[in-house]
Amino acid sequence: MTDHRFESVSEVRDGLRKVDYLSDEGIAGIVYLADRLQKPILVEGPAGTGKTQLAKSVAELIGARLIRLQCYEGLDEAKALYEWNYKKQLLRIQAQRGDEGWNEVEEDLFSDEFLLERPLLEAIRATEPVVLLIDEVDRVEVETEALLLEILSDYQVSIPELGTIEAKQIPMVFLTSNNTRELSEALKRRCLFLHIDYPDMEREKEIVLTKVPDITENLADQVARIVRSLRQLELKKSPSVSETLDWANTLMLLGVEQIDAETASSTANILLKYQTDIAKAVREFAADKQGMKAFAPGPK
């Protein structure tokens, strides 16, 4: 019996499609290799391109529990790995005061009953299949990054009071980064690297058709073409795939069949989240009213 989750790259690609994640050959190939080599995947790319969703979809595909560590500035070992339940320990001391010697009480205090597992320790101690998602790893300080590196190198944790805890199974691990700061070379060496950029127009159209119920192929095509044209502008923040889907759903709710300049302008705030970007897009739509006809469906 094999310990591998996937037999081929095509199995990964087809499996992800079944859980509505439209993967290309590159993404499927990295997931396959990560399984075979038992290595974490570092996924970089612009916000909203499906990095986090990839981990969620792989978990759904293999029937694994998703454990998520959301990174932020100030995240420390107590929130990422473990801490002791001090309130419960204090109650234990008060309840047993005078009845037992300190040695007996101390031994009891530092047992599993008083241990608060955080995501990293929870993933290591899990007996069932697990996907560990370390989201936005570029937000943490270098010290916390070193802790992650230590754990991902050996998949074990040393707790002074309990000893070394080794992983019962090697989880699939995804680290996502929006590249807001440079990660250490040591962490990058430990991982397989995957860059997920905005999809090309045809793939984005396919994503819209998959994720937006009842949308027509013509409207999905118009959405994908207009979003692509917006990403070619110098914007503070280009529309993400999730914002493309929000816009497509908005157009469906409004009963739009053909996107004209007025419709695009009045709903631009769904796609763009900075007023300067919205103003730039509206000017572009107004100047290109004739060009908007290029997005219209052709004669049948």
C-alpha atoms as a PDB file:
ATOM      1  CA  MET A   1       0.000   0.000   0.000  1.00  0.00           C
ATOM      2  CA  THR A   2       1.445   3.364  -1.034  1.00  0.00           C
ATOM      3  CA  ASP A   3       1.795   6.303   1.321  1.00  0.00           C
ATOM      4  CA  HIS A   4       1.439   8.735  -1.561  1.00  0.00           C
ATOM      5  CA  ARG A   5      -1.739  10.731  -1.978  1.00  0.00           C
ATOM      6  CA  PHE A   6      -1.487  11.101  -5.760  1.00  0.00           C
ATOM      7  CA  GLU A   7      -0.349   8.779  -8.532  1.00  0.00           C
ATOM      8  CA  SER A   8       0.212  11.397 -11.240  1.00  0.00           C
ATOM      9  CA  VAL A   9       0.122  15.104 -12.078  1.00  0.00           C
ATOM     10  CA  SER A  10      -2.990  14.589 -14.184  1.00  0.00           C
ATOM     11  CA  GLU A  11      -4.736  12.993 -11.179  1.00  0.00           C
ATOM     12  CA  VAL A  12      -4.033  16.158  -9.162  1.00  0.00           C
ATOM     13  CA  ARG A  13      -5.257  18.441 -11.960  1.00  0.00           C
ATOM     14  CA  ASP A  14      -8.426  16.438 -12.589  1.00  0.00           C
ATOM     15  CA  GLY A  15      -9.095  16.042  -8.867  1.00  0.00           C
ATOM     16  CA  LEU A  16      -8.779  19.778  -8.222  1.00  0.00           C
ATOM     17  CA  ARG A  17     -11.186  20.452 -11.074  1.00  0.00           C
ATOM     18  CA  LYS A  18     -13.729  18.179  -9.390  1.00  0.00           C
ATOM     19  CA  VAL A  19     -13.610  20.417  -6.294  1.00  0.00           C
ATOM     20  CA  ASP A  20     -13.923  23.520  -8.531  1.00  0.00           C
ATOM     21  CA  TYR A  21     -10.277  24.632  -8.443  1.00  0.00           C
ATOM     22  CA  LEU A  22      -9.120  25.151 -12.020  1.00  0.00           C
ATOM     23  CA  SER A  23      -5.458  24.225 -11.884  1.00  0.00           C
ATOM     24  CA  ASP A  24      -2.905  24.464 -14.655  1.00  0.00           C
ATOM     25  CA  GLU A  25      -0.127  21.932 -15.225  1.00  0.00           C
ATOM     26  CA  GLY A  26       2.375  23.936 -13.175  1.00  0.00           C
ATOM     27  CA  ILE A  27       0.203  24.098 -10.044  1.00  0.00           C
ATOM     28  CA  ALA A  28      -0.770  20.429 -10.281  1.00  0.00           C
ATOM     29  CA  GLY A  29       2.876  19.453 -10.797  1.00  0.00           C
ATOM     30  CA  ILE A  30       4.072  21.238  -7.647  1.00  0.00           C
ATOM     31  CA  VAL A  31       1.291  19.681  -5.530  1.00  0.00           C
ATOM     32  CA  TYR A  32       2.242  16.247  -6.863  1.00  0.00           C
ATOM     33  CA  LEU A  33       5.937  16.781  -6.097  1.00  0.00           C
ATOM     34  CA  ALA A  34       5.216  18.147  -2.629  1.00  0.00           C
ATOM     35  CA  ASP A  35       3.355  14.944  -1.836  1.00  0.00           C
ATOM     36  CA  ARG A  36       6.140  12.717  -3.206  1.00  0.00           C
ATOM     37  CA  LEU A  37       9.022  14.669  -1.646  1.00  0.00           C
ATOM     38  CA  GLN A  38       7.142  15.475   1.604  1.00  0.00           C
ATOM     39  CA  LYS A  39       8.064  19.139   1.275  1.00  0.00           C
ATOM     40  CA  PRO A  40       6.075  22.285   2.057  1.00  0.00           C
ATOM     41  CA  ILE A  41       4.936  24.517  -0.792  1.00  0.00           C
ATOM     42  CA  LEU A  42       5.673  28.248  -0.623  1.00  0.00           C
ATOM     43  CA  VAL A  43       3.003  29.946  -2.751  1.00  0.00           C
ATOM     44  CA  GLU A  44       3.696  33.541  -3.734  1.00  0.00           C
ATOM     45  CA  GLY A  45       1.718  35.951  -5.883  1.00  0.00           C
ATOM     46  CA  PRO A  46      -0.630  38.941  -5.809  1.00  0.00           C
ATOM     47  CA  ALA A  47      -3.457  38.949  -3.263  1.00  0.00           C
ATOM     48  CA  GLY A  48      -6.636  37.269  -4.455  1.00  0.00           C
ATOM     49  CA  THR A  49      -5.150  34.890  -7.012  1.00  0.00           C
ATOM     50  CA  GLY A  50      -6.207  31.668  -5.267  1.00  0.00           C
ATOM     51  CA  LYS A  51      -3.208  30.882  -3.058  1.00  0.00           C
ATOM     52  CA  THR A  52      -5.217  30.164   0.086  1.00  0.00           C
ATOM     53  CA  GLN A  53      -7.942  28.460  -1.938  1.00  0.00           C
ATOM     54  CA  LEU A  54      -5.375  26.006  -3.315  1.00  0.00           C
ATOM     55  CA  ALA A  55      -4.655  24.681   0.185  1.00  0.00           C
ATOM     56  CA  LYS A  56      -8.376  24.473   0.979  1.00  0.00           C
ATOM     57  CA  SER A  57      -9.086  22.653  -2.275  1.00  0.00           C
ATOM     58  CA  VAL A  58      -6.267  20.138  -1.758  1.00  0.00           C
ATOM     59  CA  ALA A  59      -7.626  19.429   1.738  1.00  0.00           C
ATOM     60  CA  GLU A  60     -11.092  18.843   0.271  1.00  0.00           C
ATOM     61  CA  LEU A  61      -9.651  16.671  -2.483  1.00  0.00           C
ATOM     62  CA  ILE A  62      -7.782  14.287  -0.158  1.00  0.00           C
ATOM     63  CA  GLY A  63     -10.404  14.365   2.604  1.00  0.00           C
ATOM     64  CA  ALA A  64      -8.004  15.984   5.077  1.00  0.00           C
ATOM     65  CA  ARG A  65      -8.678  18.381   7.924  1.00  0.00           C
ATOM     66  CA  LEU A  66      -7.486  21.916   7.189  1.00  0.00           C
ATOM     67  CA  ILE A  67      -5.545  23.542  10.030  1.00  0.00           C
ATOM     68  CA  ARG A  68      -4.880  27.217   9.401  1.00  0.00           C
ATOM     69  CA  LEU A  69      -2.324  29.491  11.036  1.00  0.00           C
ATOM     70  CA  GLN A  70      -3.154  33.065  10.058  1.00  0.00           C
ATOM     71  CA  CYS A  71       0.054  35.051  10.343  1.00  0.00           C
ATOM     72  CA  TYR A  72       0.222  38.645  11.544  1.00  0.00           C
ATOM     73  CA  GLU A  73       2.769  41.039  12.947  1.00  0.00           C
ATOM     74  CA  GLY A  74       3.465  40.093  16.576  1.00  0.00           C
ATOM     75  CA  LEU A  75       2.549  36.411  16.192  1.00  0.00           C
ATOM     76  CA  ASP A  76       4.618  34.487  18.740  1.00  0.00           C
ATOM     77  CA  GLU A  77       5.241  30.919  19.864  1.00  0.00           C
ATOM     78  CA  ALA A  78       2.320  30.961  22.300  1.00  0.00           C
ATOM     79  CA  LYS A  79      -0.151  31.657  19.491  1.00  0.00           C
ATOM     80  CA  ALA A  80       1.536  29.585  16.788  1.00  0.00           C
ATOM     81  CA  LEU A  81       2.754  26.506  18.692  1.00  0.00           C
ATOM     82  CA  TYR A  82       1.455  26.019  22.242  1.00  0.00           C
ATOM     83  CA  GLU A  83       0.987  27.593  25.635  1.00  0.00           C
ATOM     84  CA  TRP A  84      -0.002  26.413  29.099  1.00  0.00           C
ATOM     85  CA  ASN A  85      -3.471  27.055  30.477  1.00  0.00           C
ATOM     86  CA  TYR A  86      -2.351  29.193  33.393  1.00  0.00           C
ATOM     87  CA  LYS A  87      -5.842  29.805  34.790  1.00  0.00           C
ATOM     88  CA  LYS A  88      -6.563  26.089  34.919  1.00  0.00           C
ATOM     89  CA  GLN A  89      -3.160  25.420  36.476  1.00  0.00           C
ATOM     90  CA  LEU A  90      -3.850  28.021  39.170  1.00  0.00           C
ATOM     91  CA  LEU A  91      -7.203  26.415  39.951  1.00  0.00           C
ATOM     92  CA  ARG A  92      -5.458  23.043  40.227  1.00  0.00           C
ATOM     93  CA  ILE A  93      -2.929  24.450  42.704  1.00  0.00           C
ATOM     94  CA  GLN A  94      -5.663  26.048  44.801  1.00  0.00           C
ATOM     95  CA  ALA A  95      -7.788  22.902  44.779  1.00  0.00           C
ATOM     96  CA  GLN A  96      -4.932  20.672  45.968  1.00  0.00           C
ATOM     97  CA  ARG A  97      -3.284  23.103  48.387  1.00  0.00           C
ATOM     98  CA  GLY A  98      -1.884  21.212  51.355  1.00  0.00           C
ATOM     99  CA  ASP A  99      -3.094  17.796  50.173  1.00  0.00           C
ATOM    100  CA  GLU A 100      -0.080  16.885  48.030  1.00  0.00           C
ATOM    101  CA  GLY A 101       3.590  17.723  47.832  1.00  0.00           C
ATOM    102  CA  TRP A 102       4.776  20.251  45.252  1.00  0.00           C
ATOM    103  CA  ASN A 103       6.483  17.594  43.112  1.00  0.00           C
ATOM    104  CA  GLU A 104       3.233  15.721  42.599  1.00  0.00           C
ATOM    105  CA  VAL A 105       1.326  18.917  41.810  1.00  0.00           C
ATOM    106  CA  GLU A 106       4.019  20.168  39.400  1.00  0.00           C
ATOM    107  CA  GLU A 107       4.029  16.863  37.511  1.00  0.00           C
ATOM    108  CA  ASP A 108       0.270  17.084  37.115  1.00  0.00           C
ATOM    109  CA  LEU A 109       0.309  20.762  36.100  1.00  0.00           C
ATOM    110  CA  PHE A 110       2.508  20.168  33.068  1.00  0.00           C
ATOM    111  CA  SER A 111       0.494  17.384  31.485  1.00  0.00           C
ATOM    112  CA  ASP A 112      -1.703  17.218  28.393  1.00  0.00           C
ATOM    113  CA  GLU A 113      -4.706  18.312  30.413  1.00  0.00           C
ATOM    114  CA  PHE A 114      -3.242  21.818  30.783  1.00  0.00           C
ATOM    115  CA  LEU A 115      -1.676  22.123  27.305  1.00  0.00           C
ATOM    116  CA  LEU A 116      -3.319  24.492  24.823  1.00  0.00           C
ATOM    117  CA  GLU A 117      -2.480  23.352  21.303  1.00  0.00           C
ATOM    118  CA  ARG A 118      -2.040  26.018  18.671  1.00  0.00           C
ATOM    119  CA  PRO A 119      -2.109  25.273  14.905  1.00  0.00           C
ATOM    120  CA  LEU A 120       1.499  24.077  14.482  1.00  0.00           C
ATOM    121  CA  LEU A 121       1.396  21.625  17.398  1.00  0.00           C
ATOM    122  CA  GLU A 122      -2.133  20.561  16.456  1.00  0.00           C
ATOM    123  CA  ALA A 123      -0.939  19.640  12.948  1.00  0.00           C
ATOM    124  CA  ILE A 124       2.042  17.692  14.265  1.00  0.00           C
ATOM    125  CA  ARG A 125       0.024  15.727  16.816  1.00  0.00           C
ATOM    126  CA  ALA A 126      -2.864  14.948  14.455  1.00  0.00           C
ATOM    127  CA  THR A 127      -3.395  11.270  13.747  1.00  0.00           C
ATOM    128  CA  GLU A 128      -5.751  11.820  10.807  1.00  0.00           C
ATOM    129  CA  PRO A 129      -4.756  13.351   7.414  1.00  0.00           C
ATOM    130  CA  VAL A 130      -4.059  17.066   7.746  1.00  0.00           C
ATOM    131  CA  VAL A 131      -3.314  20.004   5.460  1.00  0.00           C
ATOM    132  CA  LEU A 132      -1.502  22.793   7.317  1.00  0.00           C
ATOM    133  CA  LEU A 133      -1.994  26.273   5.864  1.00  0.00           C
ATOM    134  CA  ILE A 134       0.412  28.962   7.103  1.00  0.00           C
ATOM    135  CA  ASP A 135      -1.251  31.992   5.582  1.00  0.00           C
ATOM    136  CA  GLU A 136       0.572  35.263   4.784  1.00  0.00           C
ATOM    137  CA  VAL A 137       3.882  34.104   6.254  1.00  0.00           C
ATOM    138  CA  ASP A 138       5.538  37.324   5.072  1.00  0.00           C
ATOM    139  CA  ARG A 139       3.693  39.191   7.848  1.00  0.00           C
ATOM    140  CA  VAL A 140       5.595  37.573  10.737  1.00  0.00           C
ATOM    141  CA  GLU A 141       8.919  38.681  12.230  1.00  0.00           C
ATOM    142  CA  VAL A 142      12.176  36.905  11.500  1.00  0.00           C
ATOM    143  CA  GLU A 143      12.135  35.177  14.926  1.00  0.00           C
ATOM    144  CA  THR A 144       8.771  33.546  14.231  1.00  0.00           C
ATOM    145  CA  GLU A 145       9.932  32.600  10.745  1.00  0.00           C
ATOM    146  CA  ALA A 146      12.874  30.775  12.383  1.00  0.00           C
ATOM    147  CA  LEU A 147      10.400  28.840  14.552  1.00  0.00           C
ATOM    148  CA  LEU A 148       8.462  27.798  11.447  1.00  0.00           C
ATOM    149  CA  LEU A 149      11.672  26.710   9.769  1.00  0.00           C
ATOM    150  CA  GLU A 150      12.665  24.569  12.748  1.00  0.00           C
ATOM    151  CA  ILE A 151       9.339  22.765  12.810  1.00  0.00           C
ATOM    152  CA  LEU A 152       9.106  22.276   9.046  1.00  0.00           C
ATOM    153  CA  SER A 153      12.624  20.835   8.940  1.00  0.00           C
ATOM    154  CA  ASP A 154      11.967  17.892  11.264  1.00  0.00           C
ATOM    155  CA  TYR A 155       8.204  17.904  11.881  1.00  0.00           C
ATOM    156  CA  GLN A 156       8.801  17.678  15.611  1.00  0.00           C
ATOM    157  CA  VAL A 157       8.469  19.980  18.604  1.00  0.00           C
ATOM    158  CA  SER A 158      10.412  20.049  21.862  1.00  0.00           C
ATOM    159  CA  ILE A 159       8.346  20.994  24.895  1.00  0.00           C
ATOM    160  CA  PRO A 160      10.645  21.185  27.946  1.00  0.00           C
ATOM    161  CA  GLU A 161       8.056  19.751  30.340  1.00  0.00           C
ATOM    162  CA  LEU A 162       6.904  16.936  28.011  1.00  0.00           C
ATOM    163  CA  GLY A 163       9.932  16.169  25.833  1.00  0.00           C
ATOM    164  CA  THR A 164      10.076  15.864  22.059  1.00  0.00           C
ATOM    165  CA  ILE A 165       6.817  15.336  20.188  1.00  0.00           C
ATOM    166  CA  GLU A 166       7.271  13.858  16.724  1.00  0.00           C
ATOM    167  CA  ALA A 167       4.701  14.017  13.940  1.00  0.00           C
ATOM    168  CA  LYS A 168       2.514  10.930  13.676  1.00  0.00           C
ATOM    169  CA  GLN A 169       2.098  11.686   9.967  1.00  0.00           C
ATOM    170  CA  ILE A 170       3.640  14.283   7.668  1.00  0.00           C
ATOM    171  CA  PRO A 171       0.986  16.865   6.817  1.00  0.00           C
ATOM    172  CA  MET A 172       0.800  18.609   3.475  1.00  0.00           C
ATOM    173  CA  VAL A 173       1.956  22.155   4.192  1.00  0.00           C
ATOM    174  CA  PHE A 174       1.196  25.338   2.244  1.00  0.00           C
ATOM    175  CA  LEU A 175       2.789  28.678   3.107  1.00  0.00           C
ATOM    176  CA  THR A 176       1.334  31.690   1.310  1.00  0.00           C
ATOM    177  CA  SER A 177       3.046  35.034   0.796  1.00  0.00           C
ATOM    178  CA  ASN A 178       1.956  38.292  -0.817  1.00  0.00           C
ATOM    179  CA  ASN A 179       5.666  39.163  -1.024  1.00  0.00           C
ATOM    180  CA  THR A 180       5.396  42.196   1.258  1.00  0.00           C
ATOM    181  CA  ARG A 181       8.862  41.361   2.584  1.00  0.00           C
ATOM    182  CA  GLU A 182      11.668  39.048   1.528  1.00  0.00           C
ATOM    183  CA  LEU A 183      11.603  35.656   3.244  1.00  0.00           C
ATOM    184  CA  SER A 184      14.810  34.058   4.458  1.00  0.00           C
ATOM    185  CA  GLU A 185      16.856  31.912   2.106  1.00  0.00           C
ATOM    186  CA  ALA A 186      16.712  29.087   4.662  1.00  0.00           C
ATOM    187  CA  LEU A 187      12.906  28.986   4.597  1.00  0.00           C
ATOM    188  CA  LYS A 188      12.825  29.154   0.808  1.00  0.00           C
ATOM    189  CA  ARG A 189      15.312  26.283   0.539  1.00  0.00           C
ATOM    190  CA  ARG A 190      13.072  24.126   2.709  1.00  0.00           C
ATOM    191  CA  CYS A 191      10.082  24.616   0.397  1.00  0.00           C
ATOM    192  CA  LEU A 192       9.043  23.971  -3.160  1.00  0.00           C
ATOM    193  CA  PHE A 193       8.263  27.305  -4.805  1.00  0.00           C
ATOM    194  CA  LEU A 194       5.071  28.145  -6.677  1.00  0.00           C
ATOM    195  CA  HIS A 195       4.130  31.527  -8.105  1.00  0.00           C
ATOM    196  CA  ILE A 196       0.442  32.040  -8.841  1.00  0.00           C
ATOM    197  CA  ASP A 197      -0.239  35.109 -10.963  1.00  0.00           C
ATOM    198  CA  TYR A 198      -3.493  36.447 -12.339  1.00  0.00           C
ATOM    199  CA  PRO A 199      -4.969  33.876 -14.725  1.00  0.00           C
ATOM    200  CA  ASP A 200      -4.954  34.462 -18.457  1.00  0.00           C
ATOM    201  CA  MET A 201      -8.218  35.550 -20.021  1.00  0.00           C
ATOM    202  CA  GLU A 202      -9.450  32.109 -21.076  1.00  0.00           C
ATOM    203  CA  ARG A 203      -8.742  30.562 -17.677  1.00  0.00           C
ATOM    204  CA  GLU A 204     -10.430  33.444 -15.858  1.00  0.00           C
ATOM    205  CA  LYS A 205     -13.451  33.041 -18.104  1.00  0.00           C
ATOM    206  CA  GLU A 206     -13.521  29.341 -17.200  1.00  0.00           C
ATOM    207  CA  ILE A 207     -13.283  30.215 -13.493  1.00  0.00           C
ATOM    208  CA  VAL A 208     -16.246  32.590 -13.839  1.00  0.00           C
ATOM    209  CA  LEU A 209     -18.292  29.938 -15.664  1.00  0.00           C
ATOM    210  CA  THR A 210     -17.476  27.416 -12.927  1.00  0.00           C
ATOM    211  CA  LYS A 211     -18.086  29.646  -9.912  1.00  0.00           C
ATOM    212  CA  VAL A 212     -20.999  31.864 -10.965  1.00  0.00           C
ATOM    213  CA  PRO A 213     -24.290  29.949 -11.256  1.00  0.00           C
ATOM    214  CA  ASP A 214     -26.241  30.339 -14.503  1.00  0.00           C
ATOM    215  CA  ILE A 215     -23.916  32.907 -16.067  1.00  0.00           C
ATOM    216  CA  THR A 216     -23.857  32.788 -19.864  1.00  0.00           C
ATOM    217  CA  GLU A 217     -20.678  32.156 -21.777  1.00  0.00           C
ATOM    218  CA  ASN A 218     -21.040  35.536 -23.490  1.00  0.00           C
ATOM    219  CA  LEU A 219     -21.264  37.451 -20.205  1.00  0.00           C
ATOM    220  CA  ALA A 220     -18.372  35.466 -18.693  1.00  0.00           C
ATOM    221  CA  ASP A 221     -16.314  36.341 -21.764  1.00  0.00           C
ATOM    222  CA  GLN A 222     -17.143  40.054 -21.421  1.00  0.00           C
ATOM    223  CA  VAL A 223     -16.217  40.002 -17.713  1.00  0.00           C
ATOM    224  CA  ALA A 224     -12.874  38.319 -18.361  1.00  0.00           C
ATOM    225  CA  ARG A 225     -11.987  40.708 -21.200  1.00  0.00           C
ATOM    226  CA  ILE A 226     -12.832  43.860 -19.245  1.00  0.00           C
ATOM    227  CA  VAL A 227     -10.972  42.686 -16.132  1.00  0.00           C
ATOM    228  CA  ARG A 228      -7.934  41.912 -18.277  1.00  0.00           C
ATOM    229  CA  SER A 229      -8.081  45.432 -19.765  1.00  0.00           C
ATOM    230  CA  LEU A 230      -8.248  46.955 -16.256  1.00  0.00           C
ATOM    231  CA  ARG A 231      -5.194  44.995 -15.111  1.00  0.00           C
ATOM    232  CA  GLN A 232      -3.237  46.580 -17.944  1.00  0.00           C
ATOM    233  CA  LEU A 233      -3.789  50.030 -16.389  1.00  0.00           C
ATOM    234  CA  GLU A 234      -1.434  51.447 -13.753  1.00  0.00           C
ATOM    235  CA  LEU A 235      -3.632  50.800 -10.725  1.00  0.00           C
ATOM    236  CA  LYS A 236      -2.868  50.895  -7.027  1.00  0.00           C
ATOM    237  CA  LYS A 237      -4.443  47.443  -6.754  1.00  0.00           C
ATOM    238  CA  SER A 238      -5.524  45.346  -9.734  1.00  0.00           C
ATOM    239  CA  PRO A 239      -8.781  43.354  -9.467  1.00  0.00           C
ATOM    240  CA  SER A 240      -8.282  39.951  -7.851  1.00  0.00           C
ATOM    241  CA  VAL A 241      -9.986  36.799  -9.072  1.00  0.00           C
ATOM    242  CA  SER A 242     -12.336  36.920  -6.084  1.00  0.00           C
ATOM    243  CA  GLU A 243     -13.306  40.485  -7.076  1.00  0.00           C
ATOM    244  CA  THR A 244     -13.885  39.315 -10.649  1.00  0.00           C
ATOM    245  CA  LEU A 245     -16.339  36.735  -9.270  1.00  0.00           C
ATOM    246  CA  ASP A 246     -18.013  39.368  -7.070  1.00  0.00           C
ATOM    247  CA  TRP A 247     -18.470  41.556 -10.130  1.00  0.00           C
ATOM    248  CA  ALA A 248     -19.855  38.711 -12.226  1.00  0.00           C
ATOM    249  CA  ASN A 249     -22.337  37.865  -9.456  1.00  0.00           C
ATOM    250  CA  THR A 250     -23.320  41.550  -9.197  1.00  0.00           C
ATOM    251  CA  LEU A 251     -23.991  41.724 -12.930  1.00  0.00           C
ATOM    252  CA  MET A 252     -26.138  38.594 -12.694  1.00  0.00           C
ATOM    253  CA  LEU A 253     -28.161  40.080  -9.810  1.00  0.00           C
ATOM    254  CA  LEU A 254     -28.711  43.251 -11.854  1.00  0.00           C
ATOM    255  CA  GLY A 255     -29.873  41.223 -14.845  1.00  0.00           C
ATOM    256  CA  VAL A 256     -27.100  42.529 -17.085  1.00  0.00           C
ATOM    257  CA  GLU A 257     -26.612  40.662 -20.345  1.00  0.00           C
ATOM    258  CA  GLN A 258     -24.414  43.162 -22.173  1.00  0.00           C
ATOM    259  CA  ILE A 259     -21.830  45.290 -20.335  1.00  0.00           C
ATOM    260  CA  ASP A 260     -21.761  48.869 -21.618  1.00  0.00           C
ATOM    261  CA  ALA A 261     -19.676  51.803 -20.413  1.00  0.00           C
ATOM    262  CA  GLU A 262     -22.416  53.017 -18.059  1.00  0.00           C
ATOM    263  CA  THR A 263     -22.838  49.588 -16.425  1.00  0.00           C
ATOM    264  CA  ALA A 264     -19.090  49.137 -16.063  1.00  0.00           C
ATOM    265  CA  SER A 265     -18.694  52.592 -14.507  1.00  0.00           C
ATOM    266  CA  SER A 266     -21.584  52.210 -12.051  1.00  0.00           C
ATOM    267  CA  THR A 267     -20.278  48.854 -10.778  1.00  0.00           C
ATOM    268  CA  ALA A 268     -16.536  49.622 -10.855  1.00  0.00           C
ATOM    269  CA  ASN A 269     -16.459  49.813  -7.045  1.00  0.00           C
ATOM    270  CA  ILE A 270     -17.055  46.048  -6.940  1.00  0.00           C
ATOM    271  CA  LEU A 271     -13.826  45.430  -8.851  1.00  0.00           C
ATOM    272  CA  LEU A 272     -11.656  48.262  -7.526  1.00  0.00           C
ATOM    273  CA  LYS A 273     -11.198  49.374  -3.920  1.00  0.00           C
ATOM    274  CA  TYR A 274      -9.302  52.664  -4.249  1.00  0.00           C
ATOM    275  CA  GLN A 275     -11.054  55.824  -5.406  1.00  0.00           C
ATOM    276  CA  THR A 276      -8.106  56.802  -7.615  1.00  0.00           C
ATOM    277  CA  ASP A 277      -8.331  53.423  -9.376  1.00  0.00           C
ATOM    278  CA  ILE A 278     -12.108  53.730  -9.805  1.00  0.00           C
ATOM    279  CA  ALA A 279     -11.741  57.223 -11.275  1.00  0.00           C
ATOM    280  CA  LYS A 280      -9.069  55.996 -13.692  1.00  0.00           C
ATOM    281  CA  ALA A 281     -11.258  53.065 -14.775  1.00  0.00           C
ATOM    282  CA  VAL A 282     -14.344  55.260 -15.236  1.00  0.00           C
ATOM    283  CA  ARG A 283     -12.334  57.653 -17.427  1.00  0.00           C
ATOM    284  CA  GLU A 284     -11.125  54.671 -19.439  1.00  0.00           C
ATOM    285  CA  PHE A 285     -14.680  53.365 -19.899  1.00  0.00           C
ATOM    286  CA  ALA A 286     -15.965  56.822 -20.903  1.00  0.00           C
ATOM    287  CA  ALA A 287     -13.165  57.351 -23.418  1.00  0.00           C
ATOM    288  CA  ASP A 288     -13.684  53.910 -24.902  1.00  0.00           C
ATOM    289  CA  LYS A 289     -17.470  53.676 -25.253  1.00  0.00           C
ATOM    290  CA  GLN A 290     -17.089  52.506 -28.811  1.00  0.00           C
ATOM    291  CA  GLY A 291     -14.459  49.986 -27.734  1.00  0.00           C
ATOM    292  CA  MET A 292     -16.836  48.476 -25.178  1.00  0.00           C
ATOM    293  CA  LYS A 293     -18.712  47.050 -28.140  1.00  0.00           C
ATOM    294  CA  ALA A 294     -15.759  44.759 -28.689  1.00  0.00           C
ATOM    295  CA  PHE A 295     -16.859  42.882 -25.580  1.00  0.00           C
ATOM    296  CA  ALA A 296     -20.333  42.291 -26.960  1.00  0.00           C
ATOM    297  CA  PRO A 297     -21.272  38.836 -28.272  1.00  0.00           C
ATOM    298  CA  GLY A 298     -21.006  38.540 -32.034  1.00  0.00           C
ATOM    299  CA  PRO A 299     -23.879  37.608 -34.353  1.00  0.00           C
ATOM    300  CA  LYS A 300     -24.979  34.004 -34.139  1.00  0.00           C
END
